[in-house]
Structures are given as C-alpha cells and as structure tokens.
Amino acid sequence: MSVNRTDLVAAIAEKSGLNKTQADSALKAFEEVLVSSLSNGEAVKITGLLSVERVERAARTGRNPRTGEAVPIEATVSPRFRPGAYFKDAVTDPTKLPKDGLAGARVGSDGTAPAPSGAPASVRRSAQPASAAKPAARKKTAAKKAAGSRSRGSSVSGTPETVRATKPAAAAAQAPKAPAAPAAPMSGSEEITQKLLSAKKAQLARVKNDAVAEEKAAK
C-alpha cells in the first residue's frame, strides 16, 4: 500500500484540522522550503524525524561489470535522506507510536519519544512533587523577609534612616576640638625678620600717637 499526494493531503487535513486546500498549501510550502534550502547548500534537520542534506560526489572512474572496461563517471550532486532515531524506532516497532495524537508531536529534543503522559512535555519536565515544592516555597519566603529586614536597616528604632545617618555628624560637631599643635621653632633669619617687623609696627604706632597729640594741642 502506498500513499500518493492526494492521500497525503487528506491525511494532513484530518490530523491538523485544516481543510484540504489549506493542507495542500502547507505541503507545498514544506516542499518549497526543503528544495530551496538544499539547492542553496543548507541541510534541513527535524529532530527525531529526519535530516536531509546536499551531497556532492567528485568525478571518478568506474568499471563496466560485464567487460571490466574503465568508464568515466561525471561529478554528481544529490540529496541524502537520513531518518531520525524516533523515526527508525517507530518504523521498526509500530507499538511505540502513540495511540492518540500526532506521532511527530511526541518526538523529544534528544530524538526519542518522551514517557507517555497526558500532560504536555514542558509541564512534565517542570513538574515537582508537592513535598519538594513546599520547602522551596518556605525558603523563598524566608529569603524575602531577610531581604526586607536588611533594606529597613539593622536598627529596630522608629527613627527614620535619614535622621539616624545625621547623628554621627552632629556628635562630631559637638566634640571638643583638639588643642592646636605648638608652632614649630623659627630659624635665625626668621626670628630676625619677625623682630624687625615688630619694631616697625611699634614705630608706626608711636608716630601715629604723636600726630594725634599734636592735633589735639593745636585745637
């Protein structure tokens, strides 16, 4: 028994819920992508189902099996089809096909059929026992509480954090100032200069006082 194109379109329509026109368009689109990809040197791989690649064979010399005469064989380019692991297993043992649903939809990422279950594969992978989920939830809640306490600060007082941050600065302002360090001893030239400046200031003060006294006497 063989399946021709008409039978294939009808089967696709039945399995996918499309009408025959839509199923035929989908099949034509698949054919277009497959042929175009191989023509451009790109392989088409459908995990677990099949892989198709473009194979080039260089020119070579063969022999006529009847006469043994050397015969030149031109270079060729042809597609090579390789069935996937799940495809081969299903053909070898038809009992591995699912009783309900699509056969191709049961192909796993590793090329094998997942364990039979009514739940989708994504749900089965993420499912956890209830006993394992509860401790994980408790740990997550505890982590949130710890993070919240750290964000509120280590102090338990009701004082706002901005006020608490200014206390050390105020305490530092009220602390007694340290006595100034004693002045370093002056060298000989510095001491002479300082004495001359003091004498000049005293002379100017006397001149100013004399001028004030003369002004008062003149009045």
N, C-alpha and C. Protein backbone atom coordinates (compact mmCIF):
# COMPACT_ATOMS: atom_id res chain seq x y z
N MET A 1 0.86 -1.19 0.00
CA MET A 1 0.00 0.00 0.00
C MET A 1 0.89 1.24 0.00
N SER A 2 0.58 2.19 -0.84
CA SER A 2 1.35 3.42 -0.92
C SER A 2 0.42 4.61 -0.74
N VAL A 3 1.00 5.72 -0.32
CA VAL A 3 0.24 6.96 -0.10
C VAL A 3 0.68 7.95 -1.16
N ASN A 4 -0.22 8.37 -2.03
CA ASN A 4 0.13 9.36 -3.04
C ASN A 4 -0.12 10.77 -2.48
N ARG A 5 0.08 11.77 -3.33
CA ARG A 5 -0.03 13.15 -2.85
C ARG A 5 -1.44 13.47 -2.38
N THR A 6 -2.43 13.00 -3.10
CA THR A 6 -3.82 13.27 -2.70
C THR A 6 -4.12 12.66 -1.34
N ASP A 7 -3.66 11.41 -1.14
CA ASP A 7 -3.87 10.76 0.16
C ASP A 7 -3.14 11.51 1.26
N LEU A 8 -1.93 12.00 0.94
CA LEU A 8 -1.14 12.72 1.95
C LEU A 8 -1.81 14.02 2.35
N VAL A 9 -2.34 14.75 1.37
CA VAL A 9 -3.06 16.00 1.68
C VAL A 9 -4.27 15.71 2.55
N ALA A 10 -5.02 14.66 2.22
CA ALA A 10 -6.20 14.31 3.00
C ALA A 10 -5.82 13.93 4.43
N ALA A 11 -4.72 13.19 4.59
CA ALA A 11 -4.28 12.80 5.93
C ALA A 11 -3.84 14.01 6.74
N ILE A 12 -3.12 14.96 6.10
CA ILE A 12 -2.70 16.17 6.80
C ILE A 12 -3.91 16.98 7.24
N ALA A 13 -4.90 17.09 6.36
CA ALA A 13 -6.11 17.84 6.71
C ALA A 13 -6.82 17.20 7.90
N GLU A 14 -6.88 15.89 7.93
CA GLU A 14 -7.57 15.18 9.02
C GLU A 14 -6.83 15.35 10.34
N LYS A 15 -5.50 15.24 10.29
CA LYS A 15 -4.72 15.32 11.52
C LYS A 15 -4.61 16.73 12.07
N SER A 16 -4.56 17.72 11.18
CA SER A 16 -4.31 19.10 11.62
C SER A 16 -5.57 19.91 11.83
N GLY A 17 -6.70 19.44 11.31
CA GLY A 17 -7.93 20.20 11.42
C GLY A 17 -8.08 21.24 10.33
N LEU A 18 -7.19 21.23 9.34
CA LEU A 18 -7.29 22.14 8.21
C LEU A 18 -8.21 21.54 7.14
N ASN A 19 -8.65 22.41 6.24
CA ASN A 19 -9.36 21.85 5.10
C ASN A 19 -8.32 21.40 4.07
N LYS A 20 -8.76 20.73 3.01
CA LYS A 20 -7.81 20.15 2.06
C LYS A 20 -7.01 21.22 1.31
N THR A 21 -7.65 22.36 1.05
CA THR A 21 -6.93 23.45 0.36
C THR A 21 -5.79 23.97 1.24
N GLN A 22 -6.07 24.16 2.53
CA GLN A 22 -5.04 24.64 3.45
C GLN A 22 -3.96 23.59 3.64
N ALA A 23 -4.34 22.33 3.72
CA ALA A 23 -3.36 21.26 3.88
C ALA A 23 -2.46 21.17 2.66
N ASP A 24 -3.03 21.34 1.47
CA ASP A 24 -2.24 21.31 0.24
C ASP A 24 -1.26 22.48 0.21
N SER A 25 -1.70 23.65 0.67
CA SER A 25 -0.81 24.82 0.71
C SER A 25 0.33 24.59 1.70
N ALA A 26 0.02 23.97 2.84
CA ALA A 26 1.06 23.68 3.82
C ALA A 26 2.09 22.70 3.27
N LEU A 27 1.64 21.69 2.57
CA LEU A 27 2.54 20.70 1.97
C LEU A 27 3.42 21.36 0.91
N LYS A 28 2.83 22.24 0.08
CA LYS A 28 3.60 22.94 -0.94
C LYS A 28 4.65 23.84 -0.30
N ALA A 29 4.29 24.50 0.80
CA ALA A 29 5.26 25.37 1.49
C ALA A 29 6.43 24.55 2.04
N PHE A 30 6.14 23.37 2.60
CA PHE A 30 7.20 22.50 3.10
C PHE A 30 8.13 22.06 1.97
N GLU A 31 7.52 21.69 0.85
CA GLU A 31 8.32 21.27 -0.30
C GLU A 31 9.22 22.41 -0.77
N GLU A 32 8.67 23.63 -0.80
CA GLU A 32 9.44 24.79 -1.27
C GLU A 32 10.63 25.05 -0.35
N VAL A 33 10.40 25.03 0.96
CA VAL A 33 11.49 25.27 1.92
C VAL A 33 12.54 24.17 1.81
N LEU A 34 12.12 22.93 1.69
CA LEU A 34 13.05 21.81 1.61
C LEU A 34 13.93 21.90 0.36
N VAL A 35 13.31 22.09 -0.80
CA VAL A 35 14.06 22.12 -2.06
C VAL A 35 14.96 23.35 -2.12
N SER A 36 14.45 24.51 -1.70
CA SER A 36 15.24 25.73 -1.75
C SER A 36 16.45 25.65 -0.83
N SER A 37 16.25 25.11 0.37
CA SER A 37 17.35 25.00 1.32
C SER A 37 18.45 24.10 0.78
N LEU A 38 18.07 22.93 0.25
CA LEU A 38 19.07 22.00 -0.28
C LEU A 38 19.77 22.59 -1.51
N SER A 39 19.04 23.31 -2.34
CA SER A 39 19.64 23.92 -3.53
C SER A 39 20.69 24.96 -3.14
N ASN A 40 20.50 25.62 -1.99
CA ASN A 40 21.46 26.61 -1.51
C ASN A 40 22.56 26.01 -0.65
N GLY A 41 22.59 24.68 -0.58
CA GLY A 41 23.63 24.01 0.20
C GLY A 41 23.35 23.92 1.68
N GLU A 42 22.11 24.19 2.11
CA GLU A 42 21.75 24.13 3.52
C GLU A 42 21.06 22.80 3.83
N ALA A 43 21.42 22.20 4.94
CA ALA A 43 20.77 20.96 5.36
C ALA A 43 19.49 21.27 6.12
N VAL A 44 18.53 20.39 6.04
CA VAL A 44 17.27 20.51 6.77
C VAL A 44 17.22 19.38 7.79
N LYS A 45 17.11 19.75 9.07
CA LYS A 45 17.10 18.74 10.13
C LYS A 45 15.87 18.91 10.99
N ILE A 46 15.10 17.85 11.13
CA ILE A 46 13.94 17.82 12.01
C ILE A 46 14.25 16.78 13.08
N THR A 47 14.52 17.25 14.30
CA THR A 47 14.99 16.39 15.37
C THR A 47 14.10 15.18 15.58
N GLY A 48 14.71 14.03 15.58
CA GLY A 48 14.00 12.79 15.83
C GLY A 48 13.29 12.23 14.61
N LEU A 49 13.08 13.06 13.58
CA LEU A 49 12.32 12.61 12.41
C LEU A 49 13.24 12.30 11.24
N LEU A 50 13.93 13.31 10.72
CA LEU A 50 14.81 13.07 9.58
C LEU A 50 15.74 14.26 9.38
N SER A 51 16.78 14.04 8.60
CA SER A 51 17.67 15.11 8.17
C SER A 51 17.95 14.89 6.69
N VAL A 52 17.98 16.01 5.95
CA VAL A 52 18.21 15.97 4.52
C VAL A 52 19.36 16.92 4.22
N GLU A 53 20.36 16.45 3.47
CA GLU A 53 21.49 17.29 3.15
C GLU A 53 21.89 17.11 1.68
N ARG A 54 22.62 18.08 1.19
CA ARG A 54 23.08 18.07 -0.21
C ARG A 54 24.47 17.43 -0.24
N VAL A 55 24.61 16.38 -1.05
CA VAL A 55 25.86 15.63 -1.12
C VAL A 55 26.46 15.77 -2.51
N GLU A 56 27.71 16.15 -2.58
CA GLU A 56 28.41 16.28 -3.86
C GLU A 56 29.44 15.16 -3.99
N ARG A 57 29.46 14.53 -5.10
CA ARG A 57 30.43 13.47 -5.37
C ARG A 57 31.28 13.89 -6.56
N ALA A 58 32.59 13.84 -6.38
CA ALA A 58 33.51 14.27 -7.43
C ALA A 58 33.52 13.26 -8.58
N ALA A 59 34.02 13.70 -9.69
CA ALA A 59 34.14 12.81 -10.85
C ALA A 59 35.12 11.68 -10.54
N ARG A 60 34.83 10.50 -11.06
CA ARG A 60 35.67 9.35 -10.75
C ARG A 60 35.63 8.36 -11.92
N THR A 61 36.39 7.31 -11.79
CA THR A 61 36.43 6.29 -12.84
C THR A 61 35.84 5.00 -12.30
N GLY A 62 34.85 4.46 -13.03
CA GLY A 62 34.25 3.20 -12.65
C GLY A 62 34.59 2.12 -13.66
N ARG A 63 34.03 0.96 -13.46
CA ARG A 63 34.30 -0.15 -14.38
C ARG A 63 33.00 -0.82 -14.79
N ASN A 64 32.96 -1.20 -16.05
CA ASN A 64 31.81 -1.94 -16.57
C ASN A 64 31.83 -3.33 -15.95
N PRO A 65 30.77 -3.73 -15.21
CA PRO A 65 30.80 -5.03 -14.53
C PRO A 65 30.89 -6.22 -15.48
N ARG A 66 30.46 -6.05 -16.72
CA ARG A 66 30.50 -7.18 -17.66
C ARG A 66 31.83 -7.29 -18.39
N THR A 67 32.37 -6.12 -18.77
CA THR A 67 33.60 -6.17 -19.56
C THR A 67 34.84 -5.80 -18.76
N GLY A 68 34.62 -5.15 -17.60
CA GLY A 68 35.76 -4.71 -16.80
C GLY A 68 36.43 -3.48 -17.37
N GLU A 69 35.85 -2.88 -18.38
CA GLU A 69 36.44 -1.70 -19.01
C GLU A 69 36.23 -0.48 -18.12
N ALA A 70 37.25 0.40 -18.03
CA ALA A 70 37.15 1.64 -17.25
C ALA A 70 36.13 2.56 -17.88
N VAL A 71 35.27 3.11 -17.04
CA VAL A 71 34.22 4.01 -17.51
C VAL A 71 34.27 5.29 -16.68
N PRO A 72 34.41 6.46 -17.29
CA PRO A 72 34.41 7.72 -16.52
C PRO A 72 33.02 8.05 -16.00
N ILE A 73 32.97 8.47 -14.75
CA ILE A 73 31.69 8.85 -14.13
C ILE A 73 31.78 10.33 -13.77
N GLU A 74 30.83 11.09 -14.25
CA GLU A 74 30.84 12.53 -14.01
C GLU A 74 30.49 12.85 -12.54
N ALA A 75 30.86 14.08 -12.13
CA ALA A 75 30.52 14.56 -10.78
C ALA A 75 29.00 14.67 -10.64
N THR A 76 28.52 14.35 -9.48
CA THR A 76 27.07 14.39 -9.24
C THR A 76 26.75 15.12 -7.95
N VAL A 77 25.54 15.65 -7.90
CA VAL A 77 25.02 16.29 -6.69
C VAL A 77 23.65 15.71 -6.43
N SER A 78 23.42 15.22 -5.20
CA SER A 78 22.13 14.58 -4.90
C SER A 78 21.77 14.79 -3.43
N PRO A 79 20.49 14.73 -3.10
CA PRO A 79 20.08 14.84 -1.70
C PRO A 79 20.25 13.51 -0.98
N ARG A 80 20.58 13.59 0.30
CA ARG A 80 20.72 12.37 1.11
C ARG A 80 19.76 12.48 2.28
N PHE A 81 18.88 11.48 2.41
CA PHE A 81 17.90 11.45 3.49
C PHE A 81 18.38 10.49 4.58
N ARG A 82 18.30 10.95 5.81
CA ARG A 82 18.66 10.09 6.94
C ARG A 82 17.52 10.13 7.97
N PRO A 83 16.95 9.00 8.30
CA PRO A 83 15.87 9.00 9.30
C PRO A 83 16.41 9.27 10.70
N GLY A 84 15.59 9.93 11.52
CA GLY A 84 15.96 10.17 12.91
C GLY A 84 15.75 8.93 13.77
N ALA A 85 16.26 9.02 15.02
CA ALA A 85 16.19 7.87 15.92
C ALA A 85 14.74 7.45 16.19
N TYR A 86 13.88 8.42 16.48
CA TYR A 86 12.48 8.10 16.78
C TYR A 86 11.77 7.54 15.54
N PHE A 87 12.10 8.10 14.38
CA PHE A 87 11.51 7.64 13.12
C PHE A 87 11.87 6.17 12.90
N LYS A 88 13.14 5.82 13.06
CA LYS A 88 13.57 4.44 12.85
C LYS A 88 12.94 3.50 13.85
N ASP A 89 12.87 3.92 15.12
CA ASP A 89 12.28 3.06 16.15
C ASP A 89 10.79 2.81 15.88
N ALA A 90 10.09 3.88 15.45
CA ALA A 90 8.65 3.73 15.20
C ALA A 90 8.39 2.81 14.01
N VAL A 91 9.25 2.89 12.98
CA VAL A 91 9.08 2.00 11.82
C VAL A 91 9.42 0.57 12.19
N THR A 92 10.46 0.40 13.01
CA THR A 92 10.86 -0.94 13.43
C THR A 92 9.83 -1.56 14.35
N ASP A 93 9.32 -0.74 15.29
CA ASP A 93 8.35 -1.24 16.27
C ASP A 93 7.14 -0.31 16.29
N PRO A 94 6.12 -0.59 15.51
CA PRO A 94 4.94 0.30 15.44
C PRO A 94 4.23 0.48 16.76
N THR A 95 4.48 -0.40 17.75
CA THR A 95 3.79 -0.25 19.04
C THR A 95 4.25 1.00 19.78
N LYS A 96 5.37 1.59 19.35
CA LYS A 96 5.86 2.79 20.01
C LYS A 96 5.12 4.05 19.57
N LEU A 97 4.32 3.94 18.52
CA LEU A 97 3.52 5.08 18.09
C LEU A 97 2.44 5.37 19.12
N PRO A 98 2.14 6.63 19.39
CA PRO A 98 1.08 6.96 20.36
C PRO A 98 -0.29 6.54 19.83
N LYS A 99 -1.14 6.10 20.74
CA LYS A 99 -2.48 5.69 20.33
C LYS A 99 -3.33 6.88 19.94
N ASP A 100 -3.11 8.03 20.65
CA ASP A 100 -3.86 9.24 20.35
C ASP A 100 -2.88 10.37 20.05
N GLY A 101 -3.31 11.34 19.26
CA GLY A 101 -2.47 12.49 18.98
C GLY A 101 -1.57 12.26 17.78
N LEU A 102 -0.64 13.19 17.58
CA LEU A 102 0.25 13.15 16.43
C LEU A 102 1.53 12.42 16.78
N ALA A 103 1.98 11.58 15.87
CA ALA A 103 3.22 10.83 16.10
C ALA A 103 4.42 11.76 16.18
N GLY A 104 4.50 12.73 15.27
CA GLY A 104 5.64 13.64 15.26
C GLY A 104 5.69 14.55 16.47
N ALA A 105 4.51 14.84 17.07
CA ALA A 105 4.48 15.72 18.23
C ALA A 105 5.08 15.08 19.45
N ARG A 106 5.27 13.76 19.42
CA ARG A 106 5.83 13.06 20.57
C ARG A 106 7.35 12.95 20.51
N VAL A 107 7.97 13.56 19.50
CA VAL A 107 9.43 13.46 19.38
C VAL A 107 10.07 14.42 20.35
N GLY A 108 10.98 13.92 21.20
CA GLY A 108 11.68 14.74 22.15
C GLY A 108 12.87 15.44 21.53
N SER A 109 13.52 16.35 22.29
CA SER A 109 14.66 17.08 21.76
C SER A 109 15.87 16.18 21.54
N ASP A 110 15.90 15.02 22.19
CA ASP A 110 17.02 14.09 22.00
C ASP A 110 16.73 13.07 20.91
N GLY A 111 15.60 13.22 20.22
CA GLY A 111 15.28 12.30 19.13
C GLY A 111 14.52 11.07 19.57
N THR A 112 14.15 11.00 20.85
CA THR A 112 13.41 9.85 21.36
C THR A 112 12.03 10.30 21.81
N ALA A 113 11.13 9.33 21.93
CA ALA A 113 9.77 9.64 22.37
C ALA A 113 9.74 9.78 23.88
N PRO A 114 9.14 10.87 24.42
CA PRO A 114 9.06 11.04 25.88
C PRO A 114 8.16 9.98 26.50
N ALA A 115 8.22 9.94 27.82
CA ALA A 115 7.38 8.99 28.54
C ALA A 115 5.92 9.33 28.32
N PRO A 116 5.05 8.32 28.12
CA PRO A 116 3.64 8.60 27.84
C PRO A 116 2.98 9.29 29.02
N SER A 117 2.30 10.37 28.73
CA SER A 117 1.59 11.10 29.77
C SER A 117 0.61 12.03 29.09
N GLY A 118 -0.49 12.34 29.78
CA GLY A 118 -1.47 13.23 29.20
C GLY A 118 -1.04 14.68 29.24
N ALA A 119 -0.04 15.01 30.09
CA ALA A 119 0.41 16.40 30.21
C ALA A 119 1.42 16.72 29.14
N PRO A 120 1.49 17.96 28.68
CA PRO A 120 2.49 18.34 27.68
C PRO A 120 3.90 18.12 28.22
N ALA A 121 4.86 17.97 27.29
CA ALA A 121 6.24 17.69 27.69
C ALA A 121 6.79 18.78 28.57
N SER A 122 6.47 20.06 28.26
CA SER A 122 7.00 21.17 29.06
C SER A 122 6.51 21.10 30.49
N VAL A 123 5.23 20.67 30.67
CA VAL A 123 4.69 20.54 32.02
C VAL A 123 5.32 19.38 32.75
N ARG A 124 5.53 18.24 32.01
CA ARG A 124 6.11 17.08 32.67
C ARG A 124 7.54 17.36 33.14
N ARG A 125 8.29 18.13 32.38
CA ARG A 125 9.68 18.41 32.77
C ARG A 125 9.73 19.28 34.00
N SER A 126 8.76 20.23 34.13
CA SER A 126 8.82 21.17 35.24
C SER A 126 8.05 20.70 36.46
N ALA A 127 7.31 19.59 36.34
CA ALA A 127 6.51 19.12 37.47
C ALA A 127 7.40 18.66 38.61
N GLN A 128 7.02 18.95 39.85
CA GLN A 128 7.76 18.55 41.04
C GLN A 128 6.77 17.99 42.05
N PRO A 129 7.24 17.07 42.89
CA PRO A 129 6.37 16.57 43.95
C PRO A 129 5.96 17.69 44.89
N ALA A 130 4.77 17.56 45.47
CA ALA A 130 4.28 18.60 46.37
C ALA A 130 5.18 18.75 47.58
N SER A 131 5.76 17.63 48.06
CA SER A 131 6.63 17.68 49.23
C SER A 131 7.89 18.46 48.94
N ALA A 132 8.36 18.45 47.70
CA ALA A 132 9.57 19.19 47.35
C ALA A 132 9.24 20.65 47.08
N ALA A 133 8.01 20.95 46.63
CA ALA A 133 7.65 22.32 46.32
C ALA A 133 7.46 23.15 47.59
N LYS A 134 6.92 22.53 48.69
CA LYS A 134 6.65 23.30 49.90
C LYS A 134 7.92 23.83 50.56
N PRO A 135 8.97 23.02 50.79
CA PRO A 135 10.19 23.59 51.37
C PRO A 135 10.78 24.69 50.51
N ALA A 136 10.71 24.55 49.18
CA ALA A 136 11.24 25.58 48.30
C ALA A 136 10.47 26.88 48.49
N ALA A 137 9.13 26.79 48.67
CA ALA A 137 8.33 28.00 48.87
C ALA A 137 8.66 28.65 50.21
N ARG A 138 8.88 27.79 51.26
CA ARG A 138 9.22 28.35 52.57
C ARG A 138 10.57 29.06 52.53
N LYS A 139 11.55 28.47 51.83
CA LYS A 139 12.87 29.11 51.71
C LYS A 139 12.77 30.44 50.99
N LYS A 140 11.93 30.50 49.95
CA LYS A 140 11.77 31.73 49.19
C LYS A 140 11.16 32.82 50.06
N THR A 141 10.15 32.45 50.91
CA THR A 141 9.52 33.43 51.79
C THR A 141 10.50 33.95 52.82
N ALA A 142 11.32 33.02 53.38
CA ALA A 142 12.32 33.44 54.37
C ALA A 142 13.34 34.38 53.75
N ALA A 143 13.74 34.10 52.52
CA ALA A 143 14.72 34.97 51.84
C ALA A 143 14.15 36.36 51.63
N LYS A 144 12.84 36.45 51.27
CA LYS A 144 12.21 37.75 51.08
C LYS A 144 12.17 38.54 52.39
N LYS A 145 11.86 37.84 53.51
CA LYS A 145 11.80 38.52 54.81
C LYS A 145 13.18 39.05 55.19
N ALA A 146 14.21 38.24 54.95
CA ALA A 146 15.57 38.67 55.28
C ALA A 146 15.98 39.87 54.46
N ALA A 147 15.62 39.87 53.18
CA ALA A 147 15.95 41.00 52.31
C ALA A 147 15.22 42.26 52.76
N GLY A 148 13.96 42.11 53.21
CA GLY A 148 13.22 43.26 53.68
C GLY A 148 13.80 43.85 54.95
N SER A 149 14.25 42.98 55.89
CA SER A 149 14.85 43.49 57.12
C SER A 149 16.14 44.21 56.85
N ARG A 150 16.93 43.71 55.87
CA ARG A 150 18.19 44.39 55.54
C ARG A 150 17.93 45.75 54.91
N SER A 151 16.88 45.85 54.08
CA SER A 151 16.58 47.13 53.43
C SER A 151 16.08 48.16 54.43
N ARG A 152 15.45 47.73 55.57
CA ARG A 152 14.96 48.66 56.57
C ARG A 152 16.05 49.10 57.53
N GLY A 153 17.22 48.44 57.46
CA GLY A 153 18.31 48.79 58.35
C GLY A 153 18.37 47.86 59.53
N SER A 154 19.54 47.82 60.18
CA SER A 154 19.73 46.90 61.30
C SER A 154 19.11 47.42 62.58
N SER A 155 18.85 48.76 62.72
CA SER A 155 18.27 49.32 63.93
C SER A 155 16.78 49.01 63.98
N VAL A 156 16.27 48.77 65.20
CA VAL A 156 14.85 48.45 65.38
C VAL A 156 14.08 49.66 65.86
N SER A 157 14.74 50.84 66.00
CA SER A 157 14.04 52.02 66.48
C SER A 157 13.16 52.57 65.38
N GLY A 158 12.23 53.47 65.78
CA GLY A 158 11.35 54.08 64.80
C GLY A 158 11.95 55.30 64.15
N THR A 159 13.17 55.67 64.49
CA THR A 159 13.79 56.87 63.92
C THR A 159 14.02 56.68 62.44
N PRO A 160 13.68 57.63 61.61
CA PRO A 160 13.91 57.48 60.16
C PRO A 160 15.39 57.29 59.88
N GLU A 161 15.65 56.59 58.80
CA GLU A 161 17.03 56.27 58.43
C GLU A 161 17.83 57.52 58.12
N THR A 162 17.17 58.56 57.54
CA THR A 162 17.88 59.79 57.21
C THR A 162 18.34 60.52 58.46
N VAL A 163 17.50 60.46 59.54
CA VAL A 163 17.88 61.10 60.80
C VAL A 163 19.02 60.35 61.45
N ARG A 164 18.91 58.99 61.43
CA ARG A 164 19.98 58.19 62.03
C ARG A 164 21.30 58.46 61.35
N ALA A 165 21.26 58.74 60.04
CA ALA A 165 22.50 58.94 59.31
C ALA A 165 23.17 60.24 59.69
N THR A 166 22.38 61.26 60.23
CA THR A 166 22.96 62.56 60.56
C THR A 166 23.48 62.62 61.98
N LYS A 167 23.16 61.64 62.83
CA LYS A 167 23.60 61.67 64.22
C LYS A 167 25.11 61.67 64.37
N PRO A 168 25.84 60.80 63.69
CA PRO A 168 27.29 60.82 63.84
C PRO A 168 27.89 62.16 63.47
N ALA A 169 27.34 62.88 62.47
CA ALA A 169 27.89 64.17 62.08
C ALA A 169 27.67 65.20 63.18
N ALA A 170 26.45 65.19 63.83
CA ALA A 170 26.16 66.13 64.91
C ALA A 170 27.06 65.86 66.11
N ALA A 171 27.27 64.61 66.43
CA ALA A 171 28.13 64.27 67.56
C ALA A 171 29.56 64.73 67.31
N ALA A 172 29.99 64.61 66.07
CA ALA A 172 31.34 65.04 65.74
C ALA A 172 31.47 66.55 65.86
N ALA A 173 30.39 67.32 65.55
CA ALA A 173 30.46 68.77 65.64
C ALA A 173 30.52 69.23 67.10
N GLN A 174 29.83 68.49 68.02
CA GLN A 174 29.81 68.86 69.43
C GLN A 174 31.04 68.40 70.18
N ALA A 175 31.82 67.55 69.65
CA ALA A 175 33.01 67.04 70.34
C ALA A 175 34.02 68.16 70.51
N PRO A 176 34.72 68.21 71.69
CA PRO A 176 35.73 69.28 71.91
C PRO A 176 36.84 69.17 70.88
N LYS A 177 37.28 70.41 70.46
CA LYS A 177 38.34 70.45 69.47
C LYS A 177 39.68 70.11 70.12
N ALA A 178 40.48 69.43 69.40
CA ALA A 178 41.81 69.08 69.90
C ALA A 178 42.67 70.34 69.94
N PRO A 179 43.53 70.49 70.97
CA PRO A 179 44.40 71.67 71.06
C PRO A 179 45.30 71.75 69.84
N ALA A 180 45.53 73.02 69.46
CA ALA A 180 46.37 73.23 68.28
C ALA A 180 47.80 72.80 68.57
N ALA A 181 48.40 72.28 67.59
CA ALA A 181 49.79 71.84 67.76
C ALA A 181 50.70 73.03 67.95
N PRO A 182 51.72 72.97 68.84
CA PRO A 182 52.65 74.09 69.07
C PRO A 182 53.37 74.46 67.78
N ALA A 183 53.63 75.78 67.66
CA ALA A 183 54.30 76.26 66.45
C ALA A 183 55.73 75.73 66.40
N ALA A 184 56.14 75.46 65.20
CA ALA A 184 57.50 74.95 65.03
C ALA A 184 58.49 76.06 65.32
N PRO A 185 59.63 75.76 65.95
CA PRO A 185 60.64 76.79 66.27
C PRO A 185 61.16 77.43 64.98
N MET A 186 61.36 78.82 65.05
CA MET A 186 61.82 79.56 63.88
C MET A 186 63.33 79.50 63.78
N SER A 187 63.77 79.62 62.54
CA SER A 187 65.22 79.66 62.31
C SER A 187 65.74 81.05 62.65
N GLY A 188 67.06 81.24 62.59
CA GLY A 188 67.65 82.54 62.95
C GLY A 188 67.18 83.66 62.06
N SER A 189 67.16 83.47 60.77
CA SER A 189 66.72 84.52 59.84
C SER A 189 65.26 84.85 60.03
N GLU A 190 64.43 83.83 60.30
CA GLU A 190 63.02 84.09 60.52
C GLU A 190 62.80 84.89 61.80
N GLU A 191 63.58 84.59 62.83
CA GLU A 191 63.45 85.32 64.11
C GLU A 191 63.84 86.78 63.94
N ILE A 192 64.92 87.07 63.18
CA ILE A 192 65.35 88.45 62.96
C ILE A 192 64.29 89.22 62.19
N THR A 193 63.73 88.56 61.16
CA THR A 193 62.68 89.21 60.37
C THR A 193 61.49 89.54 61.23
N GLN A 194 61.11 88.61 62.12
CA GLN A 194 59.96 88.83 63.00
C GLN A 194 60.21 90.01 63.94
N LYS A 195 61.43 90.14 64.46
CA LYS A 195 61.76 91.26 65.37
C LYS A 195 61.71 92.59 64.64
N LEU A 196 62.23 92.62 63.38
CA LEU A 196 62.21 93.86 62.61
C LEU A 196 60.78 94.29 62.33
N LEU A 197 59.91 93.36 62.01
CA LEU A 197 58.51 93.68 61.77
C LEU A 197 57.85 94.23 63.02
N SER A 198 58.16 93.63 64.17
CA SER A 198 57.57 94.10 65.43
C SER A 198 58.04 95.51 65.73
N ALA A 199 59.35 95.79 65.51
CA ALA A 199 59.90 97.13 65.77
C ALA A 199 59.27 98.16 64.85
N LYS A 200 59.06 97.80 63.56
CA LYS A 200 58.46 98.72 62.61
C LYS A 200 57.03 99.04 63.01
N LYS A 201 56.29 98.02 63.44
CA LYS A 201 54.92 98.26 63.87
C LYS A 201 54.88 99.19 65.08
N ALA A 202 55.82 99.01 66.01
CA ALA A 202 55.87 99.87 67.20
C ALA A 202 56.19 101.31 66.82
N GLN A 203 57.12 101.52 65.87
CA GLN A 203 57.49 102.85 65.42
C GLN A 203 56.31 103.55 64.76
N LEU A 204 55.58 102.82 63.92
CA LEU A 204 54.42 103.41 63.27
C LEU A 204 53.36 103.78 64.28
N ALA A 205 53.21 102.96 65.32
CA ALA A 205 52.23 103.27 66.36
C ALA A 205 52.60 104.55 67.09
N ARG A 206 53.90 104.76 67.40
CA ARG A 206 54.35 105.97 68.10
C ARG A 206 54.13 107.21 67.24
N VAL A 207 54.46 107.09 65.94
CA VAL A 207 54.27 108.23 65.04
C VAL A 207 52.80 108.62 64.99
N LYS A 208 51.94 107.63 64.95
CA LYS A 208 50.51 107.90 64.89
C LYS A 208 50.04 108.59 66.18
N ASN A 209 50.55 108.13 67.32
CA ASN A 209 50.17 108.72 68.60
C ASN A 209 50.65 110.17 68.71
N ASP A 210 51.89 110.43 68.22
CA ASP A 210 52.43 111.79 68.26
C ASP A 210 51.58 112.72 67.40
N ALA A 211 51.18 112.22 66.23
CA ALA A 211 50.37 113.05 65.34
C ALA A 211 49.02 113.39 65.99
N VAL A 212 48.44 112.42 66.66
CA VAL A 212 47.16 112.66 67.33
C VAL A 212 47.33 113.70 68.44
N ALA A 213 48.44 113.60 69.18
CA ALA A 213 48.69 114.54 70.29
C ALA A 213 48.89 115.96 69.77
N GLU A 214 49.65 116.15 68.69
CA GLU A 214 49.87 117.45 68.12
C GLU A 214 48.56 118.06 67.62
N GLU A 215 47.72 117.22 67.05
CA GLU A 215 46.42 117.73 66.54
C GLU A 215 45.57 118.23 67.69
N LYS A 216 45.60 117.48 68.79
CA LYS A 216 44.80 117.94 69.96
C LYS A 216 45.36 119.24 70.54
N ALA A 217 46.72 119.35 70.56
CA ALA A 217 47.33 120.58 71.13
C ALA A 217 47.03 121.79 70.26
N ALA A 218 46.96 121.60 68.94
CA ALA A 218 46.69 122.71 68.04
C ALA A 218 45.29 123.23 68.24
N LYS A 219 44.34 122.41 68.61
CA LYS A 219 42.98 122.83 68.84
C LYS A 219 42.88 123.64 70.13
